[in-house]
């Protein structure tokens, strides 16, 4: 489940020209490079990127428009980013993906905001 989730997110953000929100390093494409803008992005910018990633993935998963997930993905991004500690935020800034502990928090936020978890 998590492997598929990682792949979906990585592909979505590469295609969208943004960074991944939920993905993990083991399934990242070898040519993936995190957006250098992450290093200096404000927390509100990071939250917006996470929300955008959520909308892309949820829309693809449910064959719906990205706009239809704006509210729920805003909930998800806010909850996720507020729950991360400084080390998890720094890991995201460095890699463009959530580490293992941040990923668990992101999955909990998906559930709390009534979004679908990634399919296997």
Protein backbone atom coordinates (compact mmCIF):
# COMPACT_ATOMS: atom_id res chain seq x y z
CA UNK A 1 0.00 0.00 0.00
CA UNK A 2 2.67 2.51 0.96
CA UNK A 3 4.82 1.57 -2.05
CA UNK A 4 1.97 2.33 -4.46
CA UNK A 5 1.21 5.50 -2.55
CA UNK A 6 4.83 6.63 -2.88
CA UNK A 7 4.89 5.96 -6.60
CA UNK A 8 1.60 7.78 -7.26
CA UNK A 9 2.68 10.87 -5.42
CA UNK A 10 6.10 11.03 -6.94
CA UNK A 11 4.71 10.69 -10.46
CA UNK A 12 1.99 13.27 -9.82
CA UNK A 13 4.39 15.92 -8.66
CA UNK A 14 6.98 15.37 -11.28
CA UNK A 15 4.22 15.73 -13.86
CA UNK A 16 2.85 18.81 -12.11
CA UNK A 17 6.24 20.41 -11.66
CA UNK A 18 5.89 20.40 -7.88
CA UNK A 19 7.38 18.38 -5.07
CA UNK A 20 5.84 15.26 -3.63
CA UNK A 21 4.03 15.36 -0.35
CA UNK A 22 3.62 11.82 0.78
CA UNK A 23 6.23 9.84 -1.14
CA UNK A 24 9.25 8.07 0.27
CA UNK A 25 12.76 7.69 -1.02
CA UNK A 26 12.77 3.96 -1.75
CA UNK A 27 10.41 4.31 -4.69
CA UNK A 28 11.49 7.69 -5.99
CA UNK A 29 12.68 7.69 -9.59
CA UNK A 30 16.45 7.85 -9.88
CA UNK A 31 16.20 11.14 -11.78
CA UNK A 32 14.08 12.82 -9.11
CA UNK A 33 15.53 15.99 -7.64
CA UNK A 34 13.70 17.97 -4.97
CA UNK A 35 12.73 21.50 -5.83
CA UNK A 36 15.49 23.79 -4.50
CA UNK A 37 12.80 26.32 -3.54
CA UNK A 38 11.79 24.00 -0.69
CA UNK A 39 14.88 25.06 1.24
CA UNK A 40 13.60 28.61 1.69
CA UNK A 41 9.83 28.17 1.31
CA UNK A 42 7.67 29.50 4.10
CA UNK A 43 5.46 27.11 6.02
CA UNK A 44 2.43 28.51 4.19
CA UNK A 45 4.16 27.75 0.87
CA UNK A 46 4.94 24.23 2.04
CA UNK A 47 1.32 23.79 3.13
CA UNK A 48 0.14 24.98 -0.30
CA UNK A 49 2.43 22.46 -2.04
CA UNK A 50 1.13 19.65 0.14
CA UNK A 51 -2.46 20.70 -0.57
CA UNK A 52 -1.77 20.80 -4.32
CA UNK A 53 -0.21 17.33 -4.21
CA UNK A 54 -3.22 16.02 -2.33
CA UNK A 55 -5.64 17.47 -4.90
CA UNK A 56 -3.71 15.93 -7.79
CA UNK A 57 -3.55 12.47 -6.25
CA UNK A 58 -7.14 12.45 -4.99
CA UNK A 59 -8.46 13.66 -8.37
CA UNK A 60 -6.59 10.91 -10.21
CA UNK A 61 -7.65 8.28 -7.70
CA UNK A 62 -11.32 9.24 -7.85
CA UNK A 63 -11.60 10.43 -11.46
CA UNK A 64 -12.72 13.87 -10.35
CA UNK A 65 -11.55 17.44 -10.71
CA UNK A 66 -8.73 18.74 -8.56
CA UNK A 67 -10.91 21.69 -7.52
CA UNK A 68 -13.41 19.35 -5.87
CA UNK A 69 -10.79 18.44 -3.27
CA UNK A 70 -9.68 21.96 -2.33
CA UNK A 71 -11.37 22.04 1.08
CA UNK A 72 -10.50 18.51 2.18
CA UNK A 73 -6.93 18.79 0.89
CA UNK A 74 -6.57 22.12 2.67
CA UNK A 75 -7.63 20.31 5.83
CA UNK A 76 -5.11 17.56 5.12
CA UNK A 77 -2.23 19.93 4.40
CA UNK A 78 -2.90 22.05 7.47
CA UNK A 79 -3.17 19.07 9.81
CA UNK A 80 -0.13 17.39 8.37
CA UNK A 81 2.16 20.40 8.44
CA UNK A 82 1.05 21.39 11.96
CA UNK A 83 1.80 17.88 13.21
CA UNK A 84 5.38 17.76 11.90
CA UNK A 85 8.27 18.49 14.22
CA UNK A 86 11.26 20.57 13.12
CA UNK A 87 13.26 17.50 12.05
CA UNK A 88 10.43 16.19 9.88
CA UNK A 89 9.96 19.58 8.21
CA UNK A 90 13.70 19.79 7.56
CA UNK A 91 13.71 16.28 6.08
CA UNK A 92 10.88 17.33 3.76
CA UNK A 93 12.78 20.47 2.78
CA UNK A 94 15.90 18.40 2.04
CA UNK A 95 14.28 15.60 0.08
CA UNK A 96 10.92 16.83 -1.13
CA UNK A 97 9.24 13.80 0.45
CA UNK A 98 7.94 12.91 3.88
CA UNK A 99 10.10 10.61 5.98
CA UNK A 100 8.63 7.58 7.78
CA UNK A 101 7.40 9.40 10.87
CA UNK A 102 5.94 12.28 8.86
CA UNK A 103 4.25 9.80 6.52
CA UNK A 104 2.40 8.22 9.44
CA UNK A 105 1.16 11.66 10.46
CA UNK A 106 0.11 12.36 6.87
CA UNK A 107 -1.90 9.14 6.73
CA UNK A 108 -3.64 10.07 9.98
CA UNK A 109 -4.49 13.47 8.49
CA UNK A 110 -5.96 11.79 5.39
CA UNK A 111 -8.28 9.83 7.65
CA UNK A 112 -9.21 12.87 9.77
CA UNK A 113 -10.03 14.93 6.68
CA UNK A 114 -12.07 12.09 5.13
CA UNK A 115 -9.83 11.58 2.12
CA UNK A 116 -9.07 8.27 0.49
CA UNK A 117 -5.86 6.54 1.42
CA UNK A 118 -3.81 5.47 -1.57
CA UNK A 119 -4.81 2.26 -3.30
CA UNK A 120 -2.57 -0.76 -3.45
